[in-house]
Amino acid sequence: PEEFDPERFAPEVAKQRDSVEYLPFGDGPRNCIGERFGQMQSRLGLAYLIRNFRFSTCSKTEIPIIYDTKSLAFVPKNIIYLKLE
């Protein structure tokens, strides 16, 4: 952590790393009390954006949007570029 090593973020290096090596809020019964506050702040920020702006796709977004069928979540294969009004 003392110096920047871009190889640290390579996919093949990440696969070798233990999955619980980075837990920003900890885990278990003594996890960080700020986790819930951080999640609430994120939700409030998202609600503010949705309430005060109108989102639409811009011309750089590929239509139709193709979703990744290998993902557990509903994730697009390509980047979705948004325009805020």
Foldseek 3Di string as FASTA:
>chain_A
DPDDDVVCPDPVNVVVDDPVPDDPQDDDPPTHPCPVVVVVVVVVVVVVQVVPKDKDFDPVADPPFDFDPVDPDGHTPDDTHIDID
